[in-house]
Amino acid sequence: MSRHMDLVQRLKDSVLRGRGATAPALRQAAAARAAEVAGLPPGEAAGEIPADLWSYVETIGRHAYRITEEDIAALRQAGWSEDEIFEVSISAAVGAGMSRLERGLAALRGGTR
């Protein structure tokens, strides 16, 4: 299991702390918020989520399948580039996914999270 968790940590580090079009603080905040709405207790966000991204990040955390072309168009209209939208999307997906993974592993161990 350790090998897999090492790979998971490398993924998280790459997505949330690597170079990109957005600041790592924004990506970390998006991941933290999506993880929270997906079921993890509130964590420390590294930065603020701009108001025009807030609903988008929360939707990814709760129901990513509900994101529409109109949502993406609205973010482009607000001035976000394709690369920035992609990075925020992936960051939020990683946060939500990690929340679900942690809850699943806790259930397998017989606990709750």
PDB file of N, CA and C in Angstrom:
ATOM      1  N   MET A   1       0.820  -1.202   0.000  1.00  0.00           N
ATOM      2  CA  MET A   1       0.000   0.000   0.000  1.00  0.00           C
ATOM      3  C   MET A   1       0.857   1.256   0.000  1.00  0.00           C
ATOM      4  N   SER A   2       2.028   1.198   0.614  1.00  0.00           N
ATOM      5  CA  SER A   2       2.895   2.358   0.712  1.00  0.00           C
ATOM      6  C   SER A   2       3.298   2.870  -0.671  1.00  0.00           C
ATOM      7  N   ARG A   3       3.601   1.951  -1.582  1.00  0.00           N
ATOM      8  CA  ARG A   3       3.996   2.349  -2.928  1.00  0.00           C
ATOM      9  C   ARG A   3       2.889   3.167  -3.584  1.00  0.00           C
ATOM     10  N   HIS A   4       1.657   2.727  -3.403  1.00  0.00           N
ATOM     11  CA  HIS A   4       0.536   3.440  -4.008  1.00  0.00           C
ATOM     12  C   HIS A   4       0.353   4.811  -3.370  1.00  0.00           C
ATOM     13  N   MET A   5       0.505   4.883  -2.075  1.00  0.00           N
ATOM     14  CA  MET A   5       0.348   6.173  -1.410  1.00  0.00           C
ATOM     15  C   MET A   5       1.475   7.132  -1.816  1.00  0.00           C
ATOM     16  N   ASP A   6       2.671   6.585  -2.064  1.00  0.00           N
ATOM     17  CA  ASP A   6       3.766   7.424  -2.569  1.00  0.00           C
ATOM     18  C   ASP A   6       3.412   8.001  -3.935  1.00  0.00           C
ATOM     19  N   LEU A   7       2.818   7.183  -4.781  1.00  0.00           N
ATOM     20  CA  LEU A   7       2.400   7.664  -6.105  1.00  0.00           C
ATOM     21  C   LEU A   7       1.296   8.709  -5.990  1.00  0.00           C
ATOM     22  N   VAL A   8       0.374   8.483  -5.078  1.00  0.00           N
ATOM     23  CA  VAL A   8      -0.704   9.454  -4.857  1.00  0.00           C
ATOM     24  C   VAL A   8      -0.108  10.783  -4.398  1.00  0.00           C
ATOM     25  N   GLN A   9       0.860  10.729  -3.494  1.00  0.00           N
ATOM     26  CA  GLN A   9       1.486  11.959  -3.008  1.00  0.00           C
ATOM     27  C   GLN A   9       2.236  12.672  -4.128  1.00  0.00           C
ATOM     28  N   ARG A  10       2.889  11.932  -4.982  1.00  0.00           N
ATOM     29  CA  ARG A  10       3.576  12.550  -6.122  1.00  0.00           C
ATOM     30  C   ARG A  10       2.586  13.243  -7.047  1.00  0.00           C
ATOM     31  N   LEU A  11       1.439  12.606  -7.266  1.00  0.00           N
ATOM     32  CA  LEU A  11       0.398  13.218  -8.089  1.00  0.00           C
ATOM     33  C   LEU A  11      -0.074  14.527  -7.465  1.00  0.00           C
ATOM     34  N   LYS A  12      -0.394  14.472  -6.174  1.00  0.00           N
ATOM     35  CA  LYS A  12      -0.858  15.678  -5.478  1.00  0.00           C
ATOM     36  C   LYS A  12       0.182  16.790  -5.555  1.00  0.00           C
ATOM     37  N   ASP A  13       1.437  16.466  -5.294  1.00  0.00           N
ATOM     38  CA  ASP A  13       2.491  17.476  -5.331  1.00  0.00           C
ATOM     39  C   ASP A  13       2.624  18.087  -6.720  1.00  0.00           C
ATOM     40  N   SER A  14       2.571  17.254  -7.727  1.00  0.00           N
ATOM     41  CA  SER A  14       2.704  17.740  -9.098  1.00  0.00           C
ATOM     42  C   SER A  14       1.564  18.685  -9.471  1.00  0.00           C
ATOM     43  N   VAL A  15       0.347  18.283  -9.152  1.00  0.00           N
ATOM     44  CA  VAL A  15      -0.818  19.093  -9.514  1.00  0.00           C
ATOM     45  C   VAL A  15      -0.905  20.361  -8.672  1.00  0.00           C
ATOM     46  N   LEU A  16      -0.693  20.236  -7.372  1.00  0.00           N
ATOM     47  CA  LEU A  16      -0.964  21.358  -6.474  1.00  0.00           C
ATOM     48  C   LEU A  16       0.232  22.264  -6.210  1.00  0.00           C
ATOM     49  N   ARG A  17       1.429  21.780  -6.453  1.00  0.00           N
ATOM     50  CA  ARG A  17       2.614  22.591  -6.144  1.00  0.00           C
ATOM     51  C   ARG A  17       3.528  22.825  -7.336  1.00  0.00           C
ATOM     52  N   GLY A  18       3.265  22.153  -8.443  1.00  0.00           N
ATOM     53  CA  GLY A  18       4.109  22.275  -9.628  1.00  0.00           C
ATOM     54  C   GLY A  18       3.917  23.607 -10.336  1.00  0.00           C
ATOM     55  N   ARG A  19       4.734  23.796 -11.349  1.00  0.00           N
ATOM     56  CA  ARG A  19       4.611  25.011 -12.164  1.00  0.00           C
ATOM     57  C   ARG A  19       3.326  24.958 -12.972  1.00  0.00           C
ATOM     58  N   GLY A  20       2.772  26.127 -13.218  1.00  0.00           N
ATOM     59  CA  GLY A  20       1.545  26.174 -13.997  1.00  0.00           C
ATOM     60  C   GLY A  20       1.138  27.596 -14.313  1.00  0.00           C
ATOM     61  N   ALA A  21       0.016  27.712 -14.969  1.00  0.00           N
ATOM     62  CA  ALA A  21      -0.528  29.025 -15.323  1.00  0.00           C
ATOM     63  C   ALA A  21      -1.158  29.706 -14.117  1.00  0.00           C
ATOM     64  N   THR A  22      -1.549  28.927 -13.122  1.00  0.00           N
ATOM     65  CA  THR A  22      -2.145  29.484 -11.905  1.00  0.00           C
ATOM     66  C   THR A  22      -1.163  29.333 -10.751  1.00  0.00           C
ATOM     67  N   ALA A  23      -1.340  30.153  -9.754  1.00  0.00           N
ATOM     68  CA  ALA A  23      -0.486  30.086  -8.568  1.00  0.00           C
ATOM     69  C   ALA A  23      -0.787  28.801  -7.794  1.00  0.00           C
ATOM     70  N   PRO A  24       0.250  28.173  -7.241  1.00  0.00           N
ATOM     71  CA  PRO A  24       0.007  26.988  -6.420  1.00  0.00           C
ATOM     72  C   PRO A  24      -1.012  27.239  -5.307  1.00  0.00           C
ATOM     73  N   ALA A  25      -1.018  28.443  -4.744  1.00  0.00           N
ATOM     74  CA  ALA A  25      -1.971  28.753  -3.667  1.00  0.00           C
ATOM     75  C   ALA A  25      -3.408  28.623  -4.144  1.00  0.00           C
ATOM     76  N   LEU A  26      -3.703  29.037  -5.366  1.00  0.00           N
ATOM     77  CA  LEU A  26      -5.053  28.910  -5.908  1.00  0.00           C
ATOM     78  C   LEU A  26      -5.398  27.440  -6.113  1.00  0.00           C
ATOM     79  N   ARG A  27      -4.472  26.672  -6.677  1.00  0.00           N
ATOM     80  CA  ARG A  27      -4.728  25.250  -6.895  1.00  0.00           C
ATOM     81  C   ARG A  27      -4.934  24.518  -5.581  1.00  0.00           C
ATOM     82  N   GLN A  28      -4.149  24.855  -4.573  1.00  0.00           N
ATOM     83  CA  GLN A  28      -4.290  24.219  -3.253  1.00  0.00           C
ATOM     84  C   GLN A  28      -5.613  24.601  -2.605  1.00  0.00           C
ATOM     85  N   ALA A  29      -6.021  25.857  -2.762  1.00  0.00           N
ATOM     86  CA  ALA A  29      -7.305  26.293  -2.205  1.00  0.00           C
ATOM     87  C   ALA A  29      -8.463  25.596  -2.896  1.00  0.00           C
ATOM     88  N   ALA A  30      -8.377  25.438  -4.221  1.00  0.00           N
ATOM     89  CA  ALA A  30      -9.433  24.742  -4.962  1.00  0.00           C
ATOM     90  C   ALA A  30      -9.525  23.289  -4.520  1.00  0.00           C
ATOM     91  N   ALA A  31      -8.385  22.639  -4.339  1.00  0.00           N
ATOM     92  CA  ALA A  31      -8.379  21.242  -3.891  1.00  0.00           C
ATOM     93  C   ALA A  31      -8.954  21.126  -2.481  1.00  0.00           C
ATOM     94  N   ALA A  32      -8.574  22.034  -1.602  1.00  0.00           N
ATOM     95  CA  ALA A  32      -9.061  21.987  -0.217  1.00  0.00           C
ATOM     96  C   ALA A  32     -10.568  22.192  -0.160  1.00  0.00           C
ATOM     97  N   ARG A  33     -11.090  23.142  -0.935  1.00  0.00           N
ATOM     98  CA  ARG A  33     -12.536  23.395  -0.916  1.00  0.00           C
ATOM     99  C   ARG A  33     -13.311  22.228  -1.516  1.00  0.00           C
ATOM    100  N   ALA A  34     -12.814  21.680  -2.624  1.00  0.00           N
ATOM    101  CA  ALA A  34     -13.497  20.538  -3.240  1.00  0.00           C
ATOM    102  C   ALA A  34     -13.467  19.335  -2.305  1.00  0.00           C
ATOM    103  N   ALA A  35     -12.362  19.139  -1.602  1.00  0.00           N
ATOM    104  CA  ALA A  35     -12.275  18.030  -0.629  1.00  0.00           C
ATOM    105  C   ALA A  35     -13.275  18.235   0.493  1.00  0.00           C
ATOM    106  N   GLU A  36     -13.423  19.469   0.912  1.00  0.00           N
ATOM    107  CA  GLU A  36     -14.366  19.766   1.996  1.00  0.00           C
ATOM    108  C   GLU A  36     -15.804  19.484   1.574  1.00  0.00           C
ATOM    109  N   VAL A  37     -16.190  19.946   0.389  1.00  0.00           N
ATOM    110  CA  VAL A  37     -17.574  19.706  -0.041  1.00  0.00           C
ATOM    111  C   VAL A  37     -17.803  18.241  -0.393  1.00  0.00           C
ATOM    112  N   ALA A  38     -16.717  17.501  -0.661  1.00  0.00           N
ATOM    113  CA  ALA A  38     -16.835  16.071  -0.944  1.00  0.00           C
ATOM    114  C   ALA A  38     -16.860  15.230   0.327  1.00  0.00           C
ATOM    115  N   GLY A  39     -16.635  15.864   1.488  1.00  0.00           N
ATOM    116  CA  GLY A  39     -16.798  15.126   2.726  1.00  0.00           C
ATOM    117  C   GLY A  39     -15.688  15.205   3.745  1.00  0.00           C
ATOM    118  N   LEU A  40     -14.534  15.773   3.404  1.00  0.00           N
ATOM    119  CA  LEU A  40     -13.476  15.907   4.407  1.00  0.00           C
ATOM    120  C   LEU A  40     -13.774  17.081   5.322  1.00  0.00           C
ATOM    121  N   PRO A  41     -13.314  17.032   6.564  1.00  0.00           N
ATOM    122  CA  PRO A  41     -13.454  18.197   7.435  1.00  0.00           C
ATOM    123  C   PRO A  41     -12.684  19.372   6.834  1.00  0.00           C
ATOM    124  N   PRO A  42     -13.085  20.593   7.142  1.00  0.00           N
ATOM    125  CA  PRO A  42     -12.382  21.750   6.599  1.00  0.00           C
ATOM    126  C   PRO A  42     -10.890  21.688   6.910  1.00  0.00           C
ATOM    127  N   GLY A  43     -10.106  21.963   5.910  1.00  0.00           N
ATOM    128  CA  GLY A  43      -8.657  21.989   6.075  1.00  0.00           C
ATOM    129  C   GLY A  43      -8.139  23.396   5.877  1.00  0.00           C
ATOM    130  N   GLU A  44      -6.849  23.514   5.956  1.00  0.00           N
ATOM    131  CA  GLU A  44      -6.239  24.814   5.722  1.00  0.00           C
ATOM    132  C   GLU A  44      -6.065  25.035   4.237  1.00  0.00           C
ATOM    133  N   ALA A  45      -6.699  26.044   3.721  1.00  0.00           N
ATOM    134  CA  ALA A  45      -6.516  26.407   2.323  1.00  0.00           C
ATOM    135  C   ALA A  45      -5.299  27.315   2.227  1.00  0.00           C
ATOM    136  N   ALA A  46      -4.526  27.107   1.189  1.00  0.00           N
ATOM    137  CA  ALA A  46      -3.302  27.880   1.019  1.00  0.00           C
ATOM    138  C   ALA A  46      -3.580  29.261   0.443  1.00  0.00           C
ATOM    139  N   GLY A  47      -4.754  29.473  -0.072  1.00  0.00           N
ATOM    140  CA  GLY A  47      -5.074  30.754  -0.686  1.00  0.00           C
ATOM    141  C   GLY A  47      -6.575  30.917  -0.838  1.00  0.00           C
ATOM    142  N   GLU A  48      -6.929  32.021  -1.413  1.00  0.00           N
ATOM    143  CA  GLU A  48      -8.338  32.344  -1.617  1.00  0.00           C
ATOM    144  C   GLU A  48      -8.803  31.861  -2.985  1.00  0.00           C
ATOM    145  N   ILE A  49     -10.068  31.547  -3.066  1.00  0.00           N
ATOM    146  CA  ILE A  49     -10.679  31.200  -4.348  1.00  0.00           C
ATOM    147  C   ILE A  49     -11.457  32.425  -4.819  1.00  0.00           C
ATOM    148  N   PRO A  50     -11.120  32.959  -5.981  1.00  0.00           N
ATOM    149  CA  PRO A  50     -11.867  34.115  -6.480  1.00  0.00           C
ATOM    150  C   PRO A  50     -13.357  33.790  -6.625  1.00  0.00           C
ATOM    151  N   ALA A  51     -14.175  34.798  -6.432  1.00  0.00           N
ATOM    152  CA  ALA A  51     -15.631  34.616  -6.426  1.00  0.00           C
ATOM    153  C   ALA A  51     -16.138  33.951  -7.704  1.00  0.00           C
ATOM    154  N   ASP A  52     -15.542  34.289  -8.856  1.00  0.00           N
ATOM    155  CA  ASP A  52     -16.053  33.720 -10.105  1.00  0.00           C
ATOM    156  C   ASP A  52     -15.681  32.251 -10.296  1.00  0.00           C
ATOM    157  N   LEU A  53     -14.819  31.716  -9.436  1.00  0.00           N
ATOM    158  CA  LEU A  53     -14.458  30.290  -9.478  1.00  0.00           C
ATOM    159  C   LEU A  53     -15.134  29.476  -8.377  1.00  0.00           C
ATOM    160  N   TRP A  54     -15.677  30.150  -7.380  1.00  0.00           N
ATOM    161  CA  TRP A  54     -16.188  29.475  -6.181  1.00  0.00           C
ATOM    162  C   TRP A  54     -17.223  28.403  -6.519  1.00  0.00           C
ATOM    163  N   SER A  55     -18.263  28.750  -7.233  1.00  0.00           N
ATOM    164  CA  SER A  55     -19.334  27.807  -7.568  1.00  0.00           C
ATOM    165  C   SER A  55     -18.804  26.673  -8.436  1.00  0.00           C
ATOM    166  N   TYR A  56     -17.910  26.994  -9.354  1.00  0.00           N
ATOM    167  CA  TYR A  56     -17.317  25.988 -10.237  1.00  0.00           C
ATOM    168  C   TYR A  56     -16.566  24.935  -9.421  1.00  0.00           C
ATOM    169  N   VAL A  57     -15.738  25.377  -8.489  1.00  0.00           N
ATOM    170  CA  VAL A  57     -14.968  24.458  -7.638  1.00  0.00           C
ATOM    171  C   VAL A  57     -15.917  23.615  -6.788  1.00  0.00           C
ATOM    172  N   GLU A  58     -16.927  24.208  -6.237  1.00  0.00           N
ATOM    173  CA  GLU A  58     -17.886  23.455  -5.420  1.00  0.00           C
ATOM    174  C   GLU A  58     -18.648  22.427  -6.249  1.00  0.00           C
ATOM    175  N   THR A  59     -18.993  22.775  -7.473  1.00  0.00           N
ATOM    176  CA  THR A  59     -19.682  21.815  -8.336  1.00  0.00           C
ATOM    177  C   THR A  59     -18.783  20.627  -8.638  1.00  0.00           C
ATOM    178  N   ILE A  60     -17.520  20.863  -8.891  1.00  0.00           N
ATOM    179  CA  ILE A  60     -16.596  19.754  -9.122  1.00  0.00           C
ATOM    180  C   ILE A  60     -16.514  18.878  -7.882  1.00  0.00           C
ATOM    181  N   GLY A  61     -16.464  19.494  -6.718  1.00  0.00           N
ATOM    182  CA  GLY A  61     -16.382  18.729  -5.476  1.00  0.00           C
ATOM    183  C   GLY A  61     -17.599  17.866  -5.218  1.00  0.00           C
ATOM    184  N   ARG A  62     -18.760  18.347  -5.582  1.00  0.00           N
ATOM    185  CA  ARG A  62     -20.001  17.613  -5.300  1.00  0.00           C
ATOM    186  C   ARG A  62     -20.450  16.741  -6.471  1.00  0.00           C
ATOM    187  N   HIS A  63     -20.504  17.349  -7.664  1.00  0.00           N
ATOM    188  CA  HIS A  63     -21.118  16.694  -8.829  1.00  0.00           C
ATOM    189  C   HIS A  63     -20.388  17.121 -10.102  1.00  0.00           C
ATOM    190  N   ALA A  64     -19.187  16.643 -10.294  1.00  0.00           N
ATOM    191  CA  ALA A  64     -18.378  17.080 -11.442  1.00  0.00           C
ATOM    192  C   ALA A  64     -19.091  16.853 -12.773  1.00  0.00           C
ATOM    193  N   TYR A  65     -19.914  15.843 -12.847  1.00  0.00           N
ATOM    194  CA  TYR A  65     -20.611  15.535 -14.102  1.00  0.00           C
ATOM    195  C   TYR A  65     -21.593  16.634 -14.500  1.00  0.00           C
ATOM    196  N   ARG A  66     -21.887  17.553 -13.599  1.00  0.00           N
ATOM    197  CA  ARG A  66     -22.831  18.633 -13.913  1.00  0.00           C
ATOM    198  C   ARG A  66     -22.174  19.850 -14.556  1.00  0.00           C
ATOM    199  N   ILE A  67     -20.855  19.838 -14.695  1.00  0.00           N
ATOM    200  CA  ILE A  67     -20.171  20.950 -15.355  1.00  0.00           C
ATOM    201  C   ILE A  67     -20.575  20.949 -16.829  1.00  0.00           C
ATOM    202  N   THR A  68     -20.932  22.117 -17.330  1.00  0.00           N
ATOM    203  CA  THR A  68     -21.388  22.241 -18.715  1.00  0.00           C
ATOM    204  C   THR A  68     -20.474  23.164 -19.511  1.00  0.00           C
ATOM    205  N   GLU A  69     -20.659  23.148 -20.805  1.00  0.00           N
ATOM    206  CA  GLU A  69     -19.930  24.070 -21.678  1.00  0.00           C
ATOM    207  C   GLU A  69     -20.241  25.523 -21.293  1.00  0.00           C
ATOM    208  N   GLU A  70     -21.451  25.758 -20.822  1.00  0.00           N
ATOM    209  CA  GLU A  70     -21.831  27.105 -20.408  1.00  0.00           C
ATOM    210  C   GLU A  70     -21.010  27.551 -19.195  1.00  0.00           C
ATOM    211  N   ASP A  71     -20.735  26.627 -18.275  1.00  0.00           N
ATOM    212  CA  ASP A  71     -19.896  26.952 -17.113  1.00  0.00           C
ATOM    213  C   ASP A  71     -18.496  27.375 -17.563  1.00  0.00           C
ATOM    214  N   ILE A  72     -17.943  26.617 -18.497  1.00  0.00           N
ATOM    215  CA  ILE A  72     -16.608  26.923 -19.010  1.00  0.00           C
ATOM    216  C   ILE A  72     -16.625  28.246 -19.764  1.00  0.00           C
ATOM    217  N   ALA A  73     -17.648  28.464 -20.564  1.00  0.00           N
ATOM    218  CA  ALA A  73     -17.771  29.719 -21.315  1.00  0.00           C
ATOM    219  C   ALA A  73     -17.861  30.915 -20.373  1.00  0.00           C
ATOM    220  N   ALA A  74     -18.586  30.758 -19.285  1.00  0.00           N
ATOM    221  CA  ALA A  74     -18.703  31.849 -18.307  1.00  0.00           C
ATOM    222  C   ALA A  74     -17.353  32.157 -17.681  1.00  0.00           C
ATOM    223  N   LEU A  75     -16.561  31.131 -17.398  1.00  0.00           N
ATOM    224  CA  LEU A  75     -15.222  31.372 -16.835  1.00  0.00           C
ATOM    225  C   LEU A  75     -14.320  32.047 -17.860  1.00  0.00           C
ATOM    226  N   ARG A  76     -14.420  31.632 -19.118  1.00  0.00           N
ATOM    227  CA  ARG A  76     -13.629  32.305 -20.176  1.00  0.00           C
ATOM    228  C   ARG A  76     -14.067  33.759 -20.297  1.00  0.00           C
ATOM    229  N   GLN A  77     -15.358  33.982 -20.233  1.00  0.00           N
ATOM    230  CA  GLN A  77     -15.891  35.351 -20.312  1.00  0.00           C
ATOM    231  C   GLN A  77     -15.386  36.199 -19.141  1.00  0.00           C
ATOM    232  N   ALA A  78     -15.192  35.577 -17.997  1.00  0.00           N
ATOM    233  CA  ALA A  78     -14.702  36.288 -16.809  1.00  0.00           C
ATOM    234  C   ALA A  78     -13.185  36.552 -16.890  1.00  0.00           C
ATOM    235  N   GLY A  79     -12.546  36.016 -17.931  1.00  0.00           N
ATOM    236  CA  GLY A  79     -11.131  36.310 -18.125  1.00  0.00           C
ATOM    237  C   GLY A  79     -10.171  35.172 -17.834  1.00  0.00           C
ATOM    238  N   TRP A  80     -10.686  34.000 -17.492  1.00  0.00           N
ATOM    239  CA  TRP A  80      -9.821  32.856 -17.209  1.00  0.00           C
ATOM    240  C   TRP A  80      -9.426  32.179 -18.514  1.00  0.00           C
ATOM    241  N   SER A  81      -8.161  31.828 -18.632  1.00  0.00           N
ATOM    242  CA  SER A  81      -7.673  31.150 -19.836  1.00  0.00           C
ATOM    243  C   SER A  81      -8.016  29.661 -19.771  1.00  0.00           C
ATOM    244  N   GLU A  82      -7.903  28.998 -20.910  1.00  0.00           N
ATOM    245  CA  GLU A  82      -8.138  27.551 -20.951  1.00  0.00           C
ATOM    246  C   GLU A  82      -7.197  26.821 -19.987  1.00  0.00           C
ATOM    247  N   ASP A  83      -5.930  27.218 -19.954  1.00  0.00           N
ATOM    248  CA  ASP A  83      -4.963  26.569 -19.065  1.00  0.00           C
ATOM    249  C   ASP A  83      -5.329  26.788 -17.600  1.00  0.00           C
ATOM    250  N   GLU A  84      -5.748  27.987 -17.260  1.00  0.00           N
ATOM    251  CA  GLU A  84      -6.132  28.273 -15.870  1.00  0.00           C
ATOM    252  C   GLU A  84      -7.366  27.462 -15.464  1.00  0.00           C
ATOM    253  N   ILE A  85      -8.348  27.398 -16.352  1.00  0.00           N
ATOM    254  CA  ILE A  85      -9.560  26.619 -16.060  1.00  0.00           C
ATOM    255  C   ILE A  85      -9.201  25.147 -15.899  1.00  0.00           C
ATOM    256  N   PHE A  86      -8.342  24.639 -16.767  1.00  0.00           N
ATOM    257  CA  PHE A  86      -7.916  23.241 -16.680  1.00  0.00           C
ATOM    258  C   PHE A  86      -7.225  22.968 -15.351  1.00  0.00           C
ATOM    259  N   GLU A  87      -6.306  23.830 -14.953  1.00  0.00           N
ATOM    260  CA  GLU A  87      -5.566  23.612 -13.709  1.00  0.00           C
ATOM    261  C   GLU A  87      -6.472  23.666 -12.488  1.00  0.00           C
ATOM    262  N   VAL A  88      -7.411  24.585 -12.463  1.00  0.00           N
ATOM    263  CA  VAL A  88      -8.356  24.653 -11.345  1.00  0.00           C
ATOM    264  C   VAL A  88      -9.251  23.415 -11.340  1.00  0.00           C
ATOM    265  N   SER A  89      -9.660  22.970 -12.524  1.00  0.00           N
ATOM    266  CA  SER A  89     -10.498  21.771 -12.627  1.00  0.00           C
ATOM    267  C   SER A  89      -9.773  20.543 -12.095  1.00  0.00           C
ATOM    268  N   ILE A  90      -8.547  20.351 -12.525  1.00  0.00           N
ATOM    269  CA  ILE A  90      -7.775  19.186 -12.088  1.00  0.00           C
ATOM    270  C   ILE A  90      -7.500  19.266 -10.585  1.00  0.00           C
ATOM    271  N   SER A  91      -7.193  20.444 -10.099  1.00  0.00           N
ATOM    272  CA  SER A  91      -6.916  20.613  -8.674  1.00  0.00           C
ATOM    273  C   SER A  91      -8.143  20.275  -7.837  1.00  0.00           C
ATOM    274  N   ALA A  92      -9.293  20.774  -8.260  1.00  0.00           N
ATOM    275  CA  ALA A  92     -10.532  20.472  -7.537  1.00  0.00           C
ATOM    276  C   ALA A  92     -10.848  18.985  -7.621  1.00  0.00           C
ATOM    277  N   ALA A  93     -10.617  18.377  -8.765  1.00  0.00           N
ATOM    278  CA  ALA A  93     -10.867  16.943  -8.917  1.00  0.00           C
ATOM    279  C   ALA A  93      -9.940  16.125  -8.015  1.00  0.00           C
ATOM    280  N   VAL A  94      -8.687  16.527  -7.925  1.00  0.00           N
ATOM    281  CA  VAL A  94      -7.754  15.831  -7.031  1.00  0.00           C
ATOM    282  C   VAL A  94      -8.229  15.963  -5.586  1.00  0.00           C
ATOM    283  N   GLY A  95      -8.631  17.155  -5.185  1.00  0.00           N
ATOM    284  CA  GLY A  95      -9.111  17.346  -3.816  1.00  0.00           C
ATOM    285  C   GLY A  95     -10.328  16.494  -3.512  1.00  0.00           C
ATOM    286  N   ALA A  96     -11.306  16.484  -4.415  1.00  0.00           N
ATOM    287  CA  ALA A  96     -12.514  15.686  -4.208  1.00  0.00           C
ATOM    288  C   ALA A  96     -12.179  14.197  -4.223  1.00  0.00           C
ATOM    289  N   GLY A  97     -11.330  13.799  -5.134  1.00  0.00           N
ATOM    290  CA  GLY A  97     -10.943  12.391  -5.215  1.00  0.00           C
ATOM    291  C   GLY A  97     -10.211  11.917  -3.976  1.00  0.00           C
ATOM    292  N   MET A  98      -9.319  12.747  -3.454  1.00  0.00           N
ATOM    293  CA  MET A  98      -8.587  12.379  -2.247  1.00  0.00           C
ATOM    294  C   MET A  98      -9.535  12.263  -1.059  1.00  0.00           C
ATOM    295  N   SER A  99     -10.528  13.124  -1.012  1.00  0.00           N
ATOM    296  CA  SER A  99     -11.520  13.039   0.061  1.00  0.00           C
ATOM    297  C   SER A  99     -12.232  11.700   0.023  1.00  0.00           C
ATOM    298  N   ARG A 100     -12.646  11.313  -1.159  1.00  0.00           N
ATOM    299  CA  ARG A 100     -13.365  10.042  -1.298  1.00  0.00           C
ATOM    300  C   ARG A 100     -12.451   8.848  -1.033  1.00  0.00           C
ATOM    301  N   LEU A 101     -11.204   8.937  -1.471  1.00  0.00           N
ATOM    302  CA  LEU A 101     -10.246   7.865  -1.200  1.00  0.00           C
ATOM    303  C   LEU A 101     -10.032   7.696   0.300  1.00  0.00           C
ATOM    304  N   GLU A 102      -9.818   8.795   1.004  1.00  0.00           N
ATOM    305  CA  GLU A 102      -9.595   8.730   2.453  1.00  0.00           C
ATOM    306  C   GLU A 102     -10.813   8.160   3.180  1.00  0.00           C
ATOM    307  N   ARG A 103     -12.001   8.566   2.767  1.00  0.00           N
ATOM    308  CA  ARG A 103     -13.208   8.022   3.396  1.00  0.00           C
ATOM    309  C   ARG A 103     -13.360   6.535   3.109  1.00  0.00           C
ATOM    310  N   GLY A 104     -13.051   6.110   1.884  1.00  0.00           N
ATOM    311  CA  GLY A 104     -13.126   4.699   1.536  1.00  0.00           C
ATOM    312  C   GLY A 104     -12.125   3.861   2.303  1.00  0.00           C
ATOM    313  N   LEU A 105     -10.890   4.352   2.410  1.00  0.00           N
ATOM    314  CA  LEU A 105      -9.875   3.609   3.168  1.00  0.00           C
ATOM    315  C   LEU A 105     -10.245   3.514   4.651  1.00  0.00           C
ATOM    316  N   ALA A 106     -10.807   4.592   5.177  1.00  0.00           N
ATOM    317  CA  ALA A 106     -11.247   4.566   6.578  1.00  0.00           C
ATOM    318  C   ALA A 106     -12.360   3.537   6.777  1.00  0.00           C
ATOM    319  N   ALA A 107     -13.273   3.439   5.810  1.00  0.00           N
ATOM    320  CA  ALA A 107     -14.343   2.457   5.927  1.00  0.00           C
ATOM    321  C   ALA A 107     -13.792   1.041   5.882  1.00  0.00           C
ATOM    322  N   LEU A 108     -12.790   0.811   5.055  1.00  0.00           N
ATOM    323  CA  LEU A 108     -12.173  -0.516   4.993  1.00  0.00           C
ATOM    324  C   LEU A 108     -11.481  -0.887   6.304  1.00  0.00           C
ATOM    325  N   ARG A 109     -10.969   0.127   6.983  1.00  0.00           N
ATOM    326  CA  ARG A 109     -10.309  -0.115   8.281  1.00  0.00           C
ATOM    327  C   ARG A 109     -11.334  -0.228   9.409  1.00  0.00           C
ATOM    328  N   GLY A 110     -12.594   0.019   9.099  1.00  0.00           N
ATOM    329  CA  GLY A 110     -13.638  -0.092  10.109  1.00  0.00           C
ATOM    330  C   GLY A 110     -13.912   1.199  10.851  1.00  0.00           C
ATOM    331  N   GLY A 111     -13.342   2.287  10.423  1.00  0.00           N
ATOM    332  CA  GLY A 111     -13.578   3.582  11.065  1.00  0.00           C
ATOM    333  C   GLY A 111     -14.385   4.484  10.175  1.00  0.00           C
ATOM    334  N   THR A 112     -14.516   5.689  10.603  1.00  0.00           N
ATOM    335  CA  THR A 112     -15.199   6.700   9.796  1.00  0.00           C
ATOM    336  C   THR A 112     -14.293   7.901   9.720  1.00  0.00           C
ATOM    337  N   ARG A 113     -14.545   8.706   8.741  1.00  0.00           N
ATOM    338  CA  ARG A 113     -13.756   9.931   8.567  1.00  0.00           C
ATOM    339  C   ARG A 113     -14.677  11.063   8.270  1.00  0.00           C
TER     340      ARG A 113
END
